[in-house]
Amino acid sequence: MDGILDRLNATIDPNARVGLQRDLLREQLGDVAAILLYWNPEPVPALKSVTGIKGAATWNFYEWDKQG
């Protein structure tokens, strides 16, 4: 992953960057142990009609609203 990140930092061409990002994602998802280093899953189960949820936290529950 370090080599891909180094090339990504040095690449300007947007099309080449997309390919490098794809390679990086493939490498990260292929290494199950590395997944939690980059993604911290924090699901918030909610109905589709609930709006105002920001991110994965429930700290702003007072701003939530239910449509319909």
N, C-alpha and C. Protein backbone atom coordinates (compact mmCIF):
# COMPACT_ATOMS: atom_id res chain seq x y z
N MET A 1 0.82 -1.18 0.00
CA MET A 1 0.00 0.00 0.00
C MET A 1 0.87 1.25 0.00
N ASP A 2 2.03 1.19 0.64
CA ASP A 2 2.89 2.36 0.71
C ASP A 2 3.33 2.82 -0.68
N GLY A 3 3.68 1.88 -1.53
CA GLY A 3 4.10 2.23 -2.89
C GLY A 3 2.99 2.89 -3.67
N ILE A 4 1.79 2.37 -3.55
CA ILE A 4 0.64 2.96 -4.25
C ILE A 4 0.37 4.36 -3.71
N LEU A 5 0.44 4.54 -2.39
CA LEU A 5 0.22 5.86 -1.80
C LEU A 5 1.28 6.85 -2.26
N ASP A 6 2.54 6.41 -2.36
CA ASP A 6 3.60 7.29 -2.85
C ASP A 6 3.34 7.73 -4.28
N ARG A 7 2.94 6.78 -5.14
CA ARG A 7 2.64 7.13 -6.53
C ARG A 7 1.42 8.03 -6.61
N LEU A 8 0.42 7.79 -5.76
CA LEU A 8 -0.78 8.61 -5.75
C LEU A 8 -0.45 10.05 -5.37
N ASN A 9 0.44 10.24 -4.40
CA ASN A 9 0.84 11.59 -3.99
C ASN A 9 1.62 12.32 -5.07
N ALA A 10 2.29 11.59 -5.96
CA ALA A 10 3.12 12.21 -6.99
C ALA A 10 2.42 12.31 -8.35
N THR A 11 1.21 11.79 -8.46
CA THR A 11 0.50 11.76 -9.75
C THR A 11 -0.47 12.92 -9.86
N ILE A 12 -0.40 13.61 -11.00
CA ILE A 12 -1.28 14.76 -11.23
C ILE A 12 -2.45 14.39 -12.13
N ASP A 13 -2.21 13.54 -13.14
CA ASP A 13 -3.24 13.18 -14.11
C ASP A 13 -4.43 12.52 -13.42
N PRO A 14 -5.65 13.11 -13.56
CA PRO A 14 -6.83 12.56 -12.89
C PRO A 14 -7.14 11.11 -13.28
N ASN A 15 -6.94 10.77 -14.56
CA ASN A 15 -7.23 9.40 -14.99
C ASN A 15 -6.27 8.40 -14.35
N ALA A 16 -5.01 8.79 -14.25
CA ALA A 16 -4.04 7.91 -13.60
C ALA A 16 -4.33 7.79 -12.11
N ARG A 17 -4.80 8.88 -11.49
CA ARG A 17 -5.13 8.86 -10.06
C ARG A 17 -6.30 7.90 -9.79
N VAL A 18 -7.28 7.87 -10.69
CA VAL A 18 -8.41 6.96 -10.51
C VAL A 18 -7.93 5.52 -10.52
N GLY A 19 -7.03 5.20 -11.44
CA GLY A 19 -6.49 3.85 -11.48
C GLY A 19 -5.72 3.50 -10.22
N LEU A 20 -4.93 4.45 -9.72
CA LEU A 20 -4.18 4.21 -8.49
C LEU A 20 -5.12 4.07 -7.29
N GLN A 21 -6.17 4.87 -7.25
CA GLN A 21 -7.14 4.75 -6.16
C GLN A 21 -7.85 3.41 -6.21
N ARG A 22 -8.13 2.93 -7.42
CA ARG A 22 -8.74 1.62 -7.58
C ARG A 22 -7.79 0.53 -7.07
N ASP A 23 -6.51 0.64 -7.44
CA ASP A 23 -5.52 -0.33 -6.97
C ASP A 23 -5.39 -0.30 -5.45
N LEU A 24 -5.40 0.91 -4.88
CA LEU A 24 -5.30 1.05 -3.43
C LEU A 24 -6.49 0.42 -2.73
N LEU A 25 -7.68 0.67 -3.25
CA LEU A 25 -8.89 0.10 -2.66
C LEU A 25 -8.87 -1.43 -2.76
N ARG A 26 -8.45 -1.94 -3.90
CA ARG A 26 -8.37 -3.40 -4.08
C ARG A 26 -7.38 -3.99 -3.08
N GLU A 27 -6.26 -3.33 -2.88
CA GLU A 27 -5.25 -3.81 -1.93
C GLU A 27 -5.78 -3.77 -0.50
N GLN A 28 -6.45 -2.67 -0.15
CA GLN A 28 -6.97 -2.52 1.22
C GLN A 28 -8.06 -3.53 1.51
N LEU A 29 -8.98 -3.71 0.57
CA LEU A 29 -10.08 -4.65 0.81
C LEU A 29 -9.63 -6.09 0.74
N GLY A 30 -8.51 -6.36 0.10
CA GLY A 30 -7.98 -7.71 0.04
C GLY A 30 -7.27 -8.10 1.32
N ASP A 31 -6.86 -7.11 2.10
CA ASP A 31 -6.16 -7.37 3.36
C ASP A 31 -7.13 -7.09 4.50
N VAL A 32 -7.82 -8.13 4.95
CA VAL A 32 -8.88 -7.98 5.95
C VAL A 32 -8.38 -7.30 7.22
N ALA A 33 -7.15 -7.55 7.60
CA ALA A 33 -6.62 -6.95 8.83
C ALA A 33 -6.48 -5.43 8.72
N ALA A 34 -6.32 -4.91 7.49
CA ALA A 34 -6.13 -3.47 7.30
C ALA A 34 -7.45 -2.71 7.22
N ILE A 35 -8.54 -3.39 7.01
CA ILE A 35 -9.82 -2.71 6.82
C ILE A 35 -10.15 -1.80 8.00
N LEU A 36 -9.99 -2.29 9.22
CA LEU A 36 -10.34 -1.49 10.39
C LEU A 36 -9.35 -0.36 10.67
N LEU A 37 -8.22 -0.35 10.00
CA LEU A 37 -7.29 0.77 10.13
C LEU A 37 -7.80 2.00 9.40
N TYR A 38 -8.60 1.79 8.37
CA TYR A 38 -9.06 2.89 7.52
C TYR A 38 -10.55 3.17 7.65
N TRP A 39 -11.33 2.19 8.00
CA TRP A 39 -12.77 2.36 8.12
C TRP A 39 -13.22 1.91 9.50
N ASN A 40 -13.98 2.72 10.16
CA ASN A 40 -14.52 2.39 11.46
C ASN A 40 -16.04 2.31 11.32
N PRO A 41 -16.57 1.13 11.12
CA PRO A 41 -18.01 1.02 10.90
C PRO A 41 -18.81 1.38 12.14
N GLU A 42 -19.69 2.33 12.00
CA GLU A 42 -20.57 2.74 13.09
C GLU A 42 -21.98 2.91 12.53
N PRO A 43 -22.70 1.82 12.31
CA PRO A 43 -24.02 1.94 11.71
C PRO A 43 -25.03 2.61 12.64
N VAL A 44 -25.93 3.37 12.06
CA VAL A 44 -27.04 3.97 12.79
C VAL A 44 -28.32 3.53 12.09
N PRO A 45 -29.00 2.51 12.61
CA PRO A 45 -30.24 2.07 11.98
C PRO A 45 -31.30 3.17 12.09
N ALA A 46 -31.91 3.49 10.97
CA ALA A 46 -32.94 4.52 10.97
C ALA A 46 -33.90 4.26 9.80
N LEU A 47 -35.10 4.74 9.94
CA LEU A 47 -36.07 4.65 8.86
C LEU A 47 -35.71 5.62 7.75
N LYS A 48 -36.14 5.32 6.52
CA LYS A 48 -35.87 6.23 5.41
C LYS A 48 -36.52 7.58 5.62
N SER A 49 -37.59 7.61 6.36
CA SER A 49 -38.32 8.86 6.56
C SER A 49 -37.68 9.77 7.61
N VAL A 50 -36.65 9.30 8.31
CA VAL A 50 -35.97 10.12 9.31
C VAL A 50 -34.89 10.94 8.61
N THR A 51 -34.91 12.25 8.81
CA THR A 51 -33.92 13.14 8.20
C THR A 51 -33.13 13.86 9.28
N GLY A 52 -31.99 14.41 8.91
CA GLY A 52 -31.19 15.20 9.84
C GLY A 52 -30.09 14.42 10.52
N ILE A 53 -29.93 13.14 10.18
CA ILE A 53 -28.86 12.35 10.78
C ILE A 53 -27.55 12.77 10.13
N LYS A 54 -26.57 13.12 10.94
CA LYS A 54 -25.27 13.57 10.43
C LYS A 54 -24.21 12.56 10.85
N GLY A 55 -23.66 11.87 9.88
CA GLY A 55 -22.61 10.90 10.17
C GLY A 55 -23.17 9.67 10.85
N ALA A 56 -22.32 9.03 11.62
CA ALA A 56 -22.69 7.77 12.24
C ALA A 56 -23.02 7.94 13.72
N ALA A 57 -23.02 9.16 14.20
CA ALA A 57 -23.27 9.38 15.62
C ALA A 57 -24.72 9.83 15.84
N THR A 58 -25.16 9.72 17.06
CA THR A 58 -26.53 10.13 17.39
C THR A 58 -26.55 11.38 18.25
N TRP A 59 -25.44 12.10 18.31
CA TRP A 59 -25.33 13.27 19.18
C TRP A 59 -26.34 14.36 18.82
N ASN A 60 -26.78 14.42 17.57
CA ASN A 60 -27.68 15.50 17.14
C ASN A 60 -29.13 15.01 17.02
N PHE A 61 -29.52 14.09 17.86
CA PHE A 61 -30.86 13.51 17.75
C PHE A 61 -31.95 14.57 17.86
N TYR A 62 -31.68 15.68 18.50
CA TYR A 62 -32.67 16.74 18.65
C TYR A 62 -32.93 17.45 17.32
N GLU A 63 -32.08 17.26 16.31
CA GLU A 63 -32.28 17.86 14.99
C GLU A 63 -32.98 16.90 14.03
N TRP A 64 -33.18 15.67 14.43
CA TRP A 64 -33.82 14.71 13.56
C TRP A 64 -35.28 15.06 13.35
N ASP A 65 -35.81 14.65 12.22
CA ASP A 65 -37.21 14.89 11.91
C ASP A 65 -37.73 13.69 11.15
N LYS A 66 -38.99 13.42 11.29
CA LYS A 66 -39.62 12.30 10.57
C LYS A 66 -40.59 12.87 9.56
N GLN A 67 -40.36 12.57 8.30
CA GLN A 67 -41.23 13.03 7.22
C GLN A 67 -42.39 12.05 7.05
N GLY A 68 -43.56 12.61 6.87
CA GLY A 68 -44.72 11.77 6.57
C GLY A 68 -45.35 11.14 7.70
